[in-house]
Amino acid sequence: MQEPFTPLLPGVQHIAVEDEAAVRAAITDETCGVIVEPIQGEGGVHVISTSFLQLLRRLCDEHKALLILDEVQVRCA
């Protein structure tokens, strides 16, 4: 999926959705921002839990990082 967009920006990390331990380890005072898709559309519709999004908000606030929710609304016929 990323191949057409390479090379990617240096320093970008990809973390599995809902992996709280990985997120806690990755978000530090060196983090400038976190981008997350609250509703994932690959292979069906997968909604990220409210508790995970709240954790991201708390960690970003704590480390003064920007939290970006990347969402595209799609209307199905």
Protein backbone atom coordinates (compact mmCIF):
# COMPACT_ATOMS: atom_id res chain seq x y z
CA MET A 1 0.00 0.00 0.00
CA GLN A 2 2.85 2.43 0.71
CA GLU A 3 4.98 1.53 -2.31
CA PRO A 4 3.53 4.21 -4.64
CA PHE A 5 4.28 6.87 -2.02
CA THR A 6 7.91 6.00 -1.28
CA PRO A 7 10.25 7.27 -0.12
CA LEU A 8 8.35 8.02 3.09
CA LEU A 9 9.35 10.82 5.44
CA PRO A 10 12.14 9.88 7.84
CA GLY A 11 11.16 9.46 11.46
CA VAL A 12 7.60 8.30 10.74
CA GLN A 13 6.49 5.25 12.71
CA HIS A 14 3.54 3.00 11.94
CA ILE A 15 1.90 1.40 14.96
CA ALA A 16 -0.80 -1.26 15.03
CA VAL A 17 -4.27 -0.01 15.92
CA GLU A 18 -5.23 -0.54 19.56
CA ASP A 19 -1.64 -1.40 20.59
CA GLU A 20 -1.56 0.70 23.76
CA ALA A 21 1.94 -0.36 24.82
CA ALA A 22 3.42 0.58 21.44
CA VAL A 23 1.63 3.94 21.43
CA ARG A 24 2.81 4.76 24.96
CA ALA A 25 6.39 3.93 23.91
CA ALA A 26 6.20 5.86 20.64
CA ILE A 27 4.64 9.15 21.77
CA THR A 28 7.32 11.18 23.56
CA ASP A 29 8.33 14.81 23.96
CA GLU A 30 10.07 14.39 20.58
CA THR A 31 6.73 13.59 18.86
CA CYS A 32 5.32 16.48 16.83
CA GLY A 33 2.08 14.81 15.78
CA VAL A 34 -0.01 11.66 15.57
CA ILE A 35 -2.26 10.86 12.62
CA VAL A 36 -4.98 8.26 13.05
CA GLU A 37 -7.90 7.08 10.95
CA PRO A 38 -10.78 6.50 13.42
CA ILE A 39 -12.66 4.41 10.87
CA GLN A 40 -10.46 2.07 8.84
CA GLY A 41 -11.86 0.96 5.49
CA GLU A 42 -9.36 -1.71 4.41
CA GLY A 43 -11.05 -5.12 4.22
CA GLY A 44 -14.32 -3.89 5.71
CA VAL A 45 -15.24 -1.22 8.22
CA HIS A 46 -13.17 -1.22 11.42
CA VAL A 47 -13.85 1.46 14.03
CA ILE A 48 -11.11 2.33 16.52
CA SER A 49 -12.35 2.16 20.10
CA THR A 50 -13.27 5.32 21.95
CA SER A 51 -10.91 4.37 24.78
CA PHE A 52 -7.96 4.11 22.36
CA LEU A 53 -8.76 7.51 20.84
CA GLN A 54 -9.01 8.98 24.34
CA LEU A 55 -5.59 7.51 25.17
CA LEU A 56 -4.14 9.15 22.05
CA ARG A 57 -5.68 12.48 23.09
CA ARG A 58 -4.23 12.25 26.62
CA LEU A 59 -0.76 11.27 25.39
CA CYS A 60 -0.71 14.01 22.76
CA ASP A 61 -1.81 16.59 25.33
CA GLU A 62 0.80 15.36 27.80
CA HIS A 63 3.61 15.57 25.23
CA LYS A 64 2.29 18.68 23.45
CA ALA A 65 1.83 16.83 20.15
CA LEU A 66 -0.81 17.48 17.51
CA LEU A 67 -3.52 14.80 17.17
CA ILE A 68 -4.89 14.57 13.63
CA LEU A 69 -7.99 12.50 12.87
CA ASP A 70 -7.87 11.60 9.20
CA GLU A 71 -11.38 10.80 8.15
CA VAL A 72 -13.03 10.66 4.75
CA GLN A 73 -16.79 10.42 4.70
CA VAL A 74 -18.06 7.98 2.09
CA ARG A 75 -21.67 7.67 1.11
CA CYS A 76 -22.78 4.26 -0.06
CA ALA A 77 -25.69 3.96 -2.47
